[in-house]
Amino acid sequence: MVSRRILAVTAGLTLGMGIVTAEMVGVPNSNTQYPTPIQSTIAGKQYKMLLTGTALRTKAIFSVYTVGSYVQEGTKPRSAEELAAADKPKQLHLVMERDVNGPDMADAFKKAIRANYPEPAFANELQLLTDKMKAFTVYKGDHVWITHVPGVGMHCNLVGKTDYWIKNVAFARAVWEIYLGKNNISEDIKRGLTTRL
């Protein structure tokens, strides 16, 4: 089971990013492991990305997805807030632990963003994000990459299914604040994603 999950993460990285020889970092209460460092192509440029931490998103008693947080080598955020605010190449890599239908995933992300940014903030961006999410059920083992592109915004890639841009740097920060902001979805996740800062 463990080797199969490591293989799944490796496959996702090979499809969307690039593997370098790396230490593997586990996720508490999951078999998923994330490599650090990785090599990523962001807006046509190659970057060495370092893992800042890993965490598990749960709902009730169920594991929903694991998440690994990466930031460009040489970026030195000292806190969750600095990491969320950094307009540097950074990525969130989600690996699904269970099936989630598109409308449920969209609703969860919308509520999480609204916890920090009440209406009407980011109305257009949230509409685009939720419309895209609603169109696809994510299944156990699926990989989702969310990439912050400096000066541009956010690129989302559901590996093998769809990808899209939301060109607003402030909205990209709002997505990172789902995990790292003041009103985050879980203090355990916030701690987990910053254990390697």
N, C-alpha and C. Protein backbone atom coordinates (compact mmCIF):
# COMPACT_ATOMS: atom_id res chain seq x y z
N MET A 1 0.83 -1.20 0.00
CA MET A 1 0.00 0.00 0.00
C MET A 1 0.87 1.26 0.00
N VAL A 2 1.89 1.27 0.88
CA VAL A 2 2.75 2.43 0.95
C VAL A 2 3.47 2.65 -0.37
N SER A 3 4.03 1.56 -0.96
CA SER A 3 4.77 1.72 -2.20
C SER A 3 3.85 2.17 -3.33
N ARG A 4 2.60 1.73 -3.34
CA ARG A 4 1.66 2.13 -4.37
C ARG A 4 1.37 3.63 -4.27
N ARG A 5 1.20 4.15 -3.06
CA ARG A 5 0.90 5.57 -2.89
C ARG A 5 2.12 6.42 -3.25
N ILE A 6 3.32 5.98 -2.89
CA ILE A 6 4.52 6.71 -3.29
C ILE A 6 4.62 6.73 -4.81
N LEU A 7 4.31 5.61 -5.45
CA LEU A 7 4.34 5.53 -6.90
C LEU A 7 3.33 6.50 -7.50
N ALA A 8 2.16 6.64 -6.87
CA ALA A 8 1.14 7.56 -7.38
C ALA A 8 1.63 8.99 -7.35
N VAL A 9 2.27 9.37 -6.26
CA VAL A 9 2.81 10.73 -6.16
C VAL A 9 3.90 10.94 -7.20
N THR A 10 4.77 9.93 -7.36
CA THR A 10 5.84 10.02 -8.35
C THR A 10 5.27 10.18 -9.74
N ALA A 11 4.22 9.42 -10.07
CA ALA A 11 3.59 9.51 -11.38
C ALA A 11 3.04 10.90 -11.62
N GLY A 12 2.40 11.48 -10.62
CA GLY A 12 1.85 12.82 -10.75
C GLY A 12 2.95 13.85 -10.98
N LEU A 13 4.06 13.70 -10.28
CA LEU A 13 5.16 14.63 -10.45
C LEU A 13 5.77 14.51 -11.84
N THR A 14 5.88 13.27 -12.32
CA THR A 14 6.47 13.06 -13.64
C THR A 14 5.61 13.67 -14.72
N LEU A 15 4.30 13.60 -14.56
CA LEU A 15 3.38 14.17 -15.54
C LEU A 15 3.44 15.69 -15.54
N GLY A 16 3.42 16.30 -14.35
CA GLY A 16 3.24 17.74 -14.30
C GLY A 16 4.49 18.53 -13.99
N MET A 17 5.48 17.91 -13.40
CA MET A 17 6.63 18.66 -12.91
C MET A 17 7.90 17.94 -13.35
N GLY A 18 8.75 17.65 -12.41
CA GLY A 18 9.96 16.91 -12.71
C GLY A 18 10.55 16.39 -11.43
N ILE A 19 11.10 15.18 -11.48
CA ILE A 19 11.64 14.56 -10.29
C ILE A 19 13.15 14.79 -10.24
N VAL A 20 13.64 15.12 -9.08
CA VAL A 20 15.07 15.09 -8.83
C VAL A 20 15.26 14.14 -7.65
N THR A 21 16.48 13.63 -7.49
CA THR A 21 16.73 12.76 -6.35
C THR A 21 16.39 13.52 -5.09
N ALA A 22 15.53 12.93 -4.27
CA ALA A 22 15.00 13.73 -3.17
C ALA A 22 14.68 12.87 -1.97
N GLU A 23 14.76 13.51 -0.82
CA GLU A 23 14.23 12.94 0.41
C GLU A 23 12.70 12.88 0.28
N MET A 24 12.11 11.82 0.81
CA MET A 24 10.65 11.72 0.81
C MET A 24 10.13 12.07 2.20
N VAL A 25 9.08 12.89 2.24
CA VAL A 25 8.51 13.36 3.50
C VAL A 25 7.07 12.85 3.60
N GLY A 26 6.76 12.22 4.71
CA GLY A 26 5.44 11.63 4.89
C GLY A 26 4.39 12.62 5.35
N VAL A 27 3.16 12.15 5.35
CA VAL A 27 2.01 12.91 5.83
C VAL A 27 1.41 12.13 6.99
N PRO A 28 1.28 12.73 8.16
CA PRO A 28 0.70 12.00 9.30
C PRO A 28 -0.67 11.41 8.94
N ASN A 29 -0.87 10.15 9.33
CA ASN A 29 -2.13 9.43 9.11
C ASN A 29 -2.46 9.19 7.64
N SER A 30 -1.43 9.13 6.79
CA SER A 30 -1.60 8.83 5.38
C SER A 30 -0.37 8.07 4.89
N ASN A 31 -0.52 7.35 3.77
CA ASN A 31 0.62 6.68 3.16
C ASN A 31 1.31 7.55 2.11
N THR A 32 0.74 8.70 1.80
CA THR A 32 1.32 9.58 0.79
C THR A 32 2.63 10.17 1.30
N GLN A 33 3.59 10.26 0.38
CA GLN A 33 4.86 10.91 0.68
C GLN A 33 5.18 11.91 -0.42
N TYR A 34 5.83 13.01 -0.03
CA TYR A 34 6.19 14.06 -0.97
C TYR A 34 7.71 14.21 -1.03
N PRO A 35 8.25 14.37 -2.25
CA PRO A 35 9.70 14.59 -2.36
C PRO A 35 10.06 16.05 -2.14
N THR A 36 11.27 16.25 -1.63
CA THR A 36 11.84 17.59 -1.60
C THR A 36 13.33 17.45 -1.89
N PRO A 37 13.85 18.17 -2.83
CA PRO A 37 13.17 19.17 -3.64
C PRO A 37 12.51 18.56 -4.87
N ILE A 38 11.80 19.40 -5.64
CA ILE A 38 11.32 19.03 -6.96
C ILE A 38 11.76 20.10 -7.95
N GLN A 39 11.68 19.77 -9.22
CA GLN A 39 11.97 20.72 -10.29
C GLN A 39 10.64 21.03 -10.98
N SER A 40 10.26 22.29 -11.06
CA SER A 40 8.99 22.67 -11.66
C SER A 40 9.18 23.68 -12.78
N THR A 41 8.36 23.57 -13.80
CA THR A 41 8.31 24.57 -14.86
C THR A 41 7.13 25.48 -14.56
N ILE A 42 7.41 26.75 -14.32
CA ILE A 42 6.38 27.73 -13.97
C ILE A 42 6.52 28.91 -14.92
N ALA A 43 5.46 29.17 -15.70
CA ALA A 43 5.46 30.25 -16.69
C ALA A 43 6.67 30.14 -17.62
N GLY A 44 6.99 28.90 -18.01
CA GLY A 44 8.05 28.67 -18.98
C GLY A 44 9.46 28.66 -18.42
N LYS A 45 9.61 28.83 -17.10
CA LYS A 45 10.94 28.83 -16.49
C LYS A 45 11.07 27.67 -15.51
N GLN A 46 12.28 27.15 -15.40
CA GLN A 46 12.55 26.05 -14.48
C GLN A 46 12.92 26.59 -13.10
N TYR A 47 12.34 25.98 -12.07
CA TYR A 47 12.64 26.37 -10.70
C TYR A 47 12.88 25.12 -9.85
N LYS A 48 13.83 25.25 -8.93
CA LYS A 48 13.98 24.24 -7.90
C LYS A 48 13.08 24.65 -6.74
N MET A 49 12.19 23.74 -6.36
CA MET A 49 11.19 24.05 -5.34
C MET A 49 11.45 23.19 -4.11
N LEU A 50 11.37 23.81 -2.94
CA LEU A 50 11.60 23.10 -1.69
C LEU A 50 10.29 22.92 -0.93
N LEU A 51 10.13 21.75 -0.33
CA LEU A 51 8.94 21.44 0.45
C LEU A 51 8.96 22.21 1.76
N THR A 52 7.86 22.92 2.06
CA THR A 52 7.77 23.64 3.34
C THR A 52 7.03 22.82 4.39
N GLY A 53 6.32 21.78 3.95
CA GLY A 53 5.60 20.93 4.90
C GLY A 53 4.47 20.17 4.21
N THR A 54 3.87 19.26 4.96
CA THR A 54 2.77 18.44 4.46
C THR A 54 1.66 18.39 5.50
N ALA A 55 0.46 18.06 5.03
CA ALA A 55 -0.67 17.98 5.96
C ALA A 55 -1.77 17.12 5.35
N LEU A 56 -2.73 16.78 6.17
CA LEU A 56 -3.88 15.98 5.76
C LEU A 56 -5.15 16.77 6.02
N ARG A 57 -5.96 16.93 4.99
CA ARG A 57 -7.27 17.57 5.13
C ARG A 57 -8.30 16.50 5.45
N THR A 58 -9.00 16.67 6.55
CA THR A 58 -10.04 15.71 6.94
C THR A 58 -11.38 16.44 7.05
N LYS A 59 -12.43 15.66 6.95
CA LYS A 59 -13.77 16.19 7.20
C LYS A 59 -14.51 15.13 7.99
N ALA A 60 -15.01 15.53 9.17
CA ALA A 60 -15.57 14.56 10.12
C ALA A 60 -14.46 13.55 10.42
N ILE A 61 -14.71 12.27 10.18
CA ILE A 61 -13.69 11.25 10.46
C ILE A 61 -12.96 10.80 9.20
N PHE A 62 -13.25 11.45 8.06
CA PHE A 62 -12.73 10.97 6.78
C PHE A 62 -11.55 11.79 6.30
N SER A 63 -10.55 11.11 5.74
CA SER A 63 -9.45 11.78 5.07
C SER A 63 -9.92 12.21 3.69
N VAL A 64 -9.70 13.48 3.33
CA VAL A 64 -10.16 13.99 2.04
C VAL A 64 -9.00 14.08 1.05
N TYR A 65 -7.92 14.78 1.45
CA TYR A 65 -6.74 14.84 0.59
C TYR A 65 -5.53 15.21 1.43
N THR A 66 -4.36 14.85 0.91
CA THR A 66 -3.11 15.33 1.48
C THR A 66 -2.69 16.57 0.69
N VAL A 67 -1.86 17.38 1.31
CA VAL A 67 -1.35 18.56 0.62
C VAL A 67 0.11 18.76 1.00
N GLY A 68 0.92 19.01 -0.02
CA GLY A 68 2.31 19.38 0.17
C GLY A 68 2.50 20.80 -0.32
N SER A 69 3.25 21.61 0.41
CA SER A 69 3.49 23.00 0.06
C SER A 69 4.95 23.18 -0.36
N TYR A 70 5.14 23.83 -1.52
CA TYR A 70 6.48 24.07 -2.06
C TYR A 70 6.69 25.56 -2.32
N VAL A 71 7.94 25.99 -2.20
CA VAL A 71 8.29 27.38 -2.51
C VAL A 71 9.66 27.38 -3.19
N GLN A 72 9.90 28.38 -4.03
CA GLN A 72 11.16 28.48 -4.75
C GLN A 72 12.35 28.47 -3.79
N GLU A 73 13.36 27.69 -4.13
CA GLU A 73 14.60 27.67 -3.35
C GLU A 73 15.16 29.09 -3.23
N GLY A 74 15.59 29.45 -2.05
CA GLY A 74 16.14 30.78 -1.81
C GLY A 74 15.13 31.74 -1.21
N THR A 75 13.84 31.40 -1.32
CA THR A 75 12.81 32.19 -0.65
C THR A 75 12.84 31.78 0.82
N LYS A 76 12.83 32.72 1.70
CA LYS A 76 13.00 32.38 3.11
C LYS A 76 11.88 32.95 3.98
N PRO A 77 10.64 32.50 3.75
CA PRO A 77 9.57 32.94 4.64
C PRO A 77 9.80 32.39 6.04
N ARG A 78 9.48 33.19 7.05
CA ARG A 78 9.71 32.78 8.43
C ARG A 78 8.43 32.38 9.14
N SER A 79 7.30 32.53 8.48
CA SER A 79 6.02 32.20 9.11
C SER A 79 5.01 31.81 8.04
N ALA A 80 3.89 31.27 8.49
CA ALA A 80 2.80 30.92 7.58
C ALA A 80 2.32 32.16 6.83
N GLU A 81 2.21 33.27 7.54
CA GLU A 81 1.72 34.50 6.92
C GLU A 81 2.68 35.00 5.84
N GLU A 82 3.98 34.92 6.11
CA GLU A 82 4.96 35.33 5.10
C GLU A 82 4.93 34.41 3.89
N LEU A 83 4.73 33.13 4.11
CA LEU A 83 4.63 32.19 3.00
C LEU A 83 3.41 32.49 2.15
N ALA A 84 2.27 32.73 2.78
CA ALA A 84 1.04 33.04 2.04
C ALA A 84 1.20 34.32 1.23
N ALA A 85 1.91 35.31 1.79
CA ALA A 85 2.03 36.62 1.14
C ALA A 85 3.12 36.67 0.08
N ALA A 86 4.04 35.72 0.06
CA ALA A 86 5.19 35.78 -0.84
C ALA A 86 4.76 35.71 -2.30
N ASP A 87 5.10 36.74 -3.08
CA ASP A 87 4.83 36.74 -4.51
C ASP A 87 6.02 36.10 -5.22
N LYS A 88 6.19 34.81 -4.93
CA LYS A 88 7.29 34.00 -5.45
C LYS A 88 6.70 32.72 -6.03
N PRO A 89 7.45 32.02 -6.87
CA PRO A 89 6.95 30.72 -7.33
C PRO A 89 6.69 29.81 -6.13
N LYS A 90 5.47 29.32 -6.04
CA LYS A 90 5.12 28.39 -4.97
C LYS A 90 3.98 27.51 -5.46
N GLN A 91 3.86 26.35 -4.84
CA GLN A 91 2.87 25.38 -5.29
C GLN A 91 2.25 24.64 -4.12
N LEU A 92 1.00 24.26 -4.30
CA LEU A 92 0.31 23.33 -3.42
C LEU A 92 0.00 22.09 -4.23
N HIS A 93 0.40 20.94 -3.73
CA HIS A 93 0.16 19.67 -4.43
C HIS A 93 -0.80 18.84 -3.60
N LEU A 94 -2.02 18.70 -4.11
CA LEU A 94 -3.05 17.92 -3.43
C LEU A 94 -3.11 16.53 -4.03
N VAL A 95 -3.18 15.51 -3.19
CA VAL A 95 -3.40 14.13 -3.63
C VAL A 95 -4.66 13.63 -2.94
N MET A 96 -5.66 13.28 -3.73
CA MET A 96 -6.96 12.93 -3.18
C MET A 96 -6.91 11.59 -2.45
N GLU A 97 -7.52 11.56 -1.28
CA GLU A 97 -7.63 10.34 -0.47
C GLU A 97 -9.00 9.69 -0.62
N ARG A 98 -9.95 10.40 -1.24
CA ARG A 98 -11.28 9.87 -1.47
C ARG A 98 -11.90 10.62 -2.65
N ASP A 99 -12.99 10.09 -3.20
CA ASP A 99 -13.70 10.77 -4.28
C ASP A 99 -14.48 11.96 -3.72
N VAL A 100 -14.46 13.07 -4.44
CA VAL A 100 -15.24 14.25 -4.05
C VAL A 100 -15.87 14.82 -5.32
N ASN A 101 -17.19 15.00 -5.33
CA ASN A 101 -17.80 15.54 -6.54
C ASN A 101 -17.48 17.03 -6.68
N GLY A 102 -17.53 17.50 -7.91
CA GLY A 102 -17.13 18.86 -8.23
C GLY A 102 -17.86 19.94 -7.44
N PRO A 103 -19.20 19.89 -7.37
CA PRO A 103 -19.91 20.92 -6.60
C PRO A 103 -19.51 20.98 -5.13
N ASP A 104 -19.25 19.81 -4.52
CA ASP A 104 -18.83 19.80 -3.11
C ASP A 104 -17.44 20.43 -2.94
N MET A 105 -16.53 20.11 -3.86
CA MET A 105 -15.18 20.69 -3.80
C MET A 105 -15.26 22.20 -4.00
N ALA A 106 -16.06 22.63 -4.97
CA ALA A 106 -16.21 24.06 -5.24
C ALA A 106 -16.78 24.79 -4.03
N ASP A 107 -17.79 24.20 -3.40
CA ASP A 107 -18.42 24.83 -2.24
C ASP A 107 -17.44 24.95 -1.08
N ALA A 108 -16.62 23.92 -0.88
CA ALA A 108 -15.64 23.94 0.22
C ALA A 108 -14.61 25.05 0.00
N PHE A 109 -14.11 25.18 -1.23
CA PHE A 109 -13.12 26.23 -1.51
C PHE A 109 -13.75 27.62 -1.37
N LYS A 110 -14.98 27.77 -1.83
CA LYS A 110 -15.64 29.07 -1.73
C LYS A 110 -15.82 29.48 -0.27
N LYS A 111 -16.30 28.56 0.56
CA LYS A 111 -16.49 28.87 1.98
C LYS A 111 -15.16 29.20 2.65
N ALA A 112 -14.10 28.49 2.27
CA ALA A 112 -12.80 28.72 2.89
C ALA A 112 -12.25 30.10 2.52
N ILE A 113 -12.44 30.52 1.30
CA ILE A 113 -11.98 31.85 0.90
C ILE A 113 -12.83 32.93 1.55
N ARG A 114 -14.14 32.71 1.61
CA ARG A 114 -15.05 33.69 2.22
C ARG A 114 -14.78 33.86 3.73
N ALA A 115 -14.14 32.90 4.37
CA ALA A 115 -13.80 33.04 5.79
C ALA A 115 -12.84 34.20 6.02
N ASN A 116 -12.01 34.50 5.02
CA ASN A 116 -11.06 35.61 5.11
C ASN A 116 -11.47 36.82 4.29
N TYR A 117 -12.28 36.60 3.26
CA TYR A 117 -12.66 37.67 2.33
C TYR A 117 -14.16 37.63 2.06
N PRO A 118 -14.95 38.32 2.89
CA PRO A 118 -16.41 38.33 2.69
C PRO A 118 -16.79 38.94 1.33
N GLU A 119 -18.01 38.63 0.90
CA GLU A 119 -18.52 39.22 -0.34
C GLU A 119 -18.47 40.74 -0.23
N PRO A 120 -18.26 41.44 -1.34
CA PRO A 120 -18.15 40.97 -2.72
C PRO A 120 -16.71 40.73 -3.18
N ALA A 121 -15.75 40.63 -2.27
CA ALA A 121 -14.35 40.45 -2.68
C ALA A 121 -14.19 39.23 -3.57
N PHE A 122 -13.42 39.40 -4.63
CA PHE A 122 -13.06 38.32 -5.56
C PHE A 122 -14.29 37.63 -6.18
N ALA A 123 -15.35 38.37 -6.40
CA ALA A 123 -16.57 37.75 -6.94
C ALA A 123 -16.31 37.06 -8.28
N ASN A 124 -15.64 37.75 -9.20
CA ASN A 124 -15.39 37.18 -10.52
C ASN A 124 -14.45 35.99 -10.46
N GLU A 125 -13.40 36.12 -9.65
CA GLU A 125 -12.41 35.03 -9.54
C GLU A 125 -13.03 33.79 -8.91
N LEU A 126 -13.84 33.99 -7.87
CA LEU A 126 -14.49 32.85 -7.23
C LEU A 126 -15.49 32.18 -8.17
N GLN A 127 -16.17 32.98 -8.97
CA GLN A 127 -17.11 32.41 -9.92
C GLN A 127 -16.38 31.52 -10.92
N LEU A 128 -15.26 32.00 -11.43
CA LEU A 128 -14.46 31.20 -12.37
C LEU A 128 -13.96 29.93 -11.71
N LEU A 129 -13.41 30.06 -10.50
CA LEU A 129 -12.88 28.90 -9.80
C LEU A 129 -13.96 27.86 -9.55
N THR A 130 -15.10 28.28 -9.03
CA THR A 130 -16.14 27.31 -8.70
C THR A 130 -16.76 26.70 -9.95
N ASP A 131 -16.90 27.49 -11.02
CA ASP A 131 -17.42 26.93 -12.27
C ASP A 131 -16.50 25.83 -12.79
N LYS A 132 -15.19 26.06 -12.74
CA LYS A 132 -14.23 25.06 -13.21
C LYS A 132 -14.26 23.82 -12.32
N MET A 133 -14.31 24.03 -11.00
CA MET A 133 -14.31 22.89 -10.08
C MET A 133 -15.57 22.04 -10.21
N LYS A 134 -16.70 22.69 -10.41
CA LYS A 134 -17.96 21.97 -10.49
C LYS A 134 -18.00 20.99 -11.67
N ALA A 135 -17.19 21.26 -12.68
CA ALA A 135 -17.23 20.46 -13.91
C ALA A 135 -16.56 19.09 -13.77
N PHE A 136 -15.79 18.88 -12.72
CA PHE A 136 -15.02 17.65 -12.61
C PHE A 136 -15.11 17.04 -11.22
N THR A 137 -15.50 15.78 -11.14
CA THR A 137 -15.35 15.02 -9.91
C THR A 137 -13.88 14.66 -9.77
N VAL A 138 -13.34 14.79 -8.57
CA VAL A 138 -11.98 14.33 -8.32
C VAL A 138 -12.07 12.98 -7.61
N TYR A 139 -11.20 12.08 -8.02
CA TYR A 139 -11.23 10.71 -7.52
C TYR A 139 -10.01 10.39 -6.67
N LYS A 140 -10.15 9.40 -5.82
CA LYS A 140 -9.03 8.96 -5.00
C LYS A 140 -7.82 8.70 -5.89
N GLY A 141 -6.69 9.28 -5.52
CA GLY A 141 -5.47 9.13 -6.30
C GLY A 141 -5.21 10.25 -7.29
N ASP A 142 -6.22 11.10 -7.56
CA ASP A 142 -6.01 12.24 -8.45
C ASP A 142 -5.04 13.24 -7.83
N HIS A 143 -4.32 13.93 -8.71
CA HIS A 143 -3.36 14.96 -8.29
C HIS A 143 -3.84 16.32 -8.77
N VAL A 144 -3.81 17.29 -7.88
CA VAL A 144 -4.16 18.67 -8.21
C VAL A 144 -2.96 19.56 -7.84
N TRP A 145 -2.50 20.34 -8.81
CA TRP A 145 -1.42 21.30 -8.57
C TRP A 145 -1.99 22.70 -8.64
N ILE A 146 -1.76 23.49 -7.60
CA ILE A 146 -2.14 24.90 -7.59
C ILE A 146 -0.83 25.69 -7.53
N THR A 147 -0.58 26.50 -8.55
CA THR A 147 0.70 27.19 -8.69
C THR A 147 0.51 28.69 -8.64
N HIS A 148 1.27 29.34 -7.77
CA HIS A 148 1.30 30.81 -7.71
C HIS A 148 2.38 31.28 -8.67
N VAL A 149 1.97 32.07 -9.66
CA VAL A 149 2.90 32.61 -10.65
C VAL A 149 3.12 34.09 -10.33
N PRO A 150 4.34 34.47 -9.94
CA PRO A 150 4.59 35.85 -9.51
C PRO A 150 4.16 36.88 -10.55
N GLY A 151 3.47 37.90 -10.07
CA GLY A 151 3.05 38.98 -10.94
C GLY A 151 1.91 38.64 -11.88
N VAL A 152 1.43 37.40 -11.82
CA VAL A 152 0.38 36.96 -12.76
C VAL A 152 -0.86 36.49 -12.01
N GLY A 153 -0.70 35.51 -11.16
CA GLY A 153 -1.84 34.93 -10.46
C GLY A 153 -1.66 33.45 -10.21
N MET A 154 -2.68 32.68 -10.53
CA MET A 154 -2.72 31.27 -10.13
C MET A 154 -3.03 30.38 -11.32
N HIS A 155 -2.32 29.26 -11.39
CA HIS A 155 -2.59 28.23 -12.38
C HIS A 155 -3.02 26.97 -11.66
N CYS A 156 -4.14 26.39 -12.07
CA CYS A 156 -4.65 25.15 -11.46
C CYS A 156 -4.57 24.03 -12.48
N ASN A 157 -4.08 22.87 -12.05
CA ASN A 157 -3.95 21.73 -12.94
C ASN A 157 -4.47 20.48 -12.24
N LEU A 158 -5.62 19.97 -12.71
CA LEU A 158 -6.09 18.65 -12.31
C LEU A 158 -5.49 17.70 -13.31
N VAL A 159 -4.43 17.00 -12.89
CA VAL A 159 -3.55 16.27 -13.80
C VAL A 159 -4.34 15.29 -14.67
N GLY A 160 -4.14 15.44 -15.98
CA GLY A 160 -4.77 14.56 -16.94
C GLY A 160 -6.21 14.92 -17.29
N LYS A 161 -6.75 15.99 -16.68
CA LYS A 161 -8.16 16.31 -16.90
C LYS A 161 -8.38 17.75 -17.36
N THR A 162 -7.85 18.72 -16.63
CA THR A 162 -8.08 20.11 -16.99
C THR A 162 -7.05 21.01 -16.33
N ASP A 163 -6.84 22.17 -16.93
CA ASP A 163 -6.04 23.20 -16.25
C ASP A 163 -6.57 24.57 -16.68
N TYR A 164 -6.37 25.56 -15.82
CA TYR A 164 -6.88 26.89 -16.09
C TYR A 164 -6.12 27.91 -15.25
N TRP A 165 -6.24 29.19 -15.67
CA TRP A 165 -5.58 30.31 -15.00
C TRP A 165 -6.61 31.20 -14.34
N ILE A 166 -6.24 31.79 -13.22
CA ILE A 166 -6.97 32.90 -12.63
C ILE A 166 -5.94 34.00 -12.41
N LYS A 167 -5.99 35.02 -13.25
CA LYS A 167 -4.91 36.00 -13.30
C LYS A 167 -5.17 37.16 -12.34
N ASN A 168 -4.93 36.87 -11.08
CA ASN A 168 -5.05 37.87 -10.03
C ASN A 168 -4.16 37.42 -8.87
N VAL A 169 -3.06 38.15 -8.65
CA VAL A 169 -2.09 37.77 -7.61
C VAL A 169 -2.74 37.78 -6.23
N ALA A 170 -3.60 38.76 -5.97
CA ALA A 170 -4.26 38.86 -4.66
C ALA A 170 -5.16 37.66 -4.41
N PHE A 171 -5.81 37.17 -5.46
CA PHE A 171 -6.66 35.99 -5.30
C PHE A 171 -5.81 34.75 -5.04
N ALA A 172 -4.67 34.65 -5.71
CA ALA A 172 -3.77 33.53 -5.44
C ALA A 172 -3.38 33.52 -3.96
N ARG A 173 -3.08 34.70 -3.43
CA ARG A 173 -2.76 34.78 -2.00
C ARG A 173 -3.94 34.31 -1.16
N ALA A 174 -5.16 34.69 -1.56
CA ALA A 174 -6.36 34.27 -0.82
C ALA A 174 -6.48 32.75 -0.78
N VAL A 175 -6.08 32.08 -1.86
CA VAL A 175 -6.12 30.62 -1.87
C VAL A 175 -5.11 30.06 -0.88
N TRP A 176 -3.90 30.63 -0.85
CA TRP A 176 -2.91 30.15 0.13
C TRP A 176 -3.39 30.41 1.56
N GLU A 177 -4.14 31.48 1.76
CA GLU A 177 -4.64 31.79 3.09
C GLU A 177 -5.73 30.83 3.56
N ILE A 178 -6.29 30.06 2.64
CA ILE A 178 -7.19 28.98 3.06
C ILE A 178 -6.47 28.08 4.06
N TYR A 179 -5.20 27.83 3.79
CA TYR A 179 -4.39 26.93 4.62
C TYR A 179 -3.52 27.66 5.63
N LEU A 180 -3.11 28.88 5.30
CA LEU A 180 -2.08 29.56 6.09
C LEU A 180 -2.53 30.89 6.70
N GLY A 181 -3.75 31.31 6.41
CA GLY A 181 -4.21 32.61 6.87
C GLY A 181 -4.76 32.59 8.29
N LYS A 182 -5.24 33.75 8.71
CA LYS A 182 -5.79 33.90 10.06
C LYS A 182 -6.99 32.99 10.28
N ASN A 183 -7.92 33.00 9.33
CA ASN A 183 -9.11 32.14 9.41
C ASN A 183 -8.92 30.95 8.48
N ASN A 184 -8.00 30.07 8.85
CA ASN A 184 -7.66 28.92 8.00
C ASN A 184 -8.61 27.75 8.28
N ILE A 185 -8.52 26.74 7.43
CA ILE A 185 -9.43 25.59 7.58
C ILE A 185 -9.00 24.66 8.72
N SER A 186 -7.74 24.78 9.18
CA SER A 186 -7.28 23.91 10.26
C SER A 186 -5.92 24.39 10.75
N GLU A 187 -5.80 24.61 12.05
CA GLU A 187 -4.51 24.97 12.62
C GLU A 187 -3.50 23.83 12.48
N ASP A 188 -3.97 22.59 12.49
CA ASP A 188 -3.06 21.46 12.28
C ASP A 188 -2.47 21.50 10.88
N ILE A 189 -3.30 21.84 9.89
CA ILE A 189 -2.80 21.95 8.52
C ILE A 189 -1.81 23.11 8.41
N LYS A 190 -2.14 24.23 9.01
CA LYS A 190 -1.24 25.38 8.99
C LYS A 190 0.12 25.02 9.57
N ARG A 191 0.11 24.34 10.70
CA ARG A 191 1.38 23.92 11.31
C ARG A 191 2.12 22.93 10.41
N GLY A 192 1.37 21.97 9.87
CA GLY A 192 1.99 20.95 9.04
C GLY A 192 2.68 21.51 7.81
N LEU A 193 2.05 22.50 7.19
CA LEU A 193 2.60 23.07 5.94
C LEU A 193 3.76 24.00 6.17
N THR A 194 4.09 24.27 7.43
CA THR A 194 5.21 25.18 7.74
C THR A 194 6.28 24.52 8.61
N THR A 195 6.25 23.21 8.73
CA THR A 195 7.19 22.53 9.61
C THR A 195 8.63 22.59 9.10
N ARG A 196 8.81 22.86 7.80
CA ARG A 196 10.16 22.85 7.24
C ARG A 196 10.65 24.28 6.90
N LEU A 197 9.95 25.30 7.35
CA LEU A 197 10.40 26.67 7.09
C LEU A 197 11.71 26.96 7.84
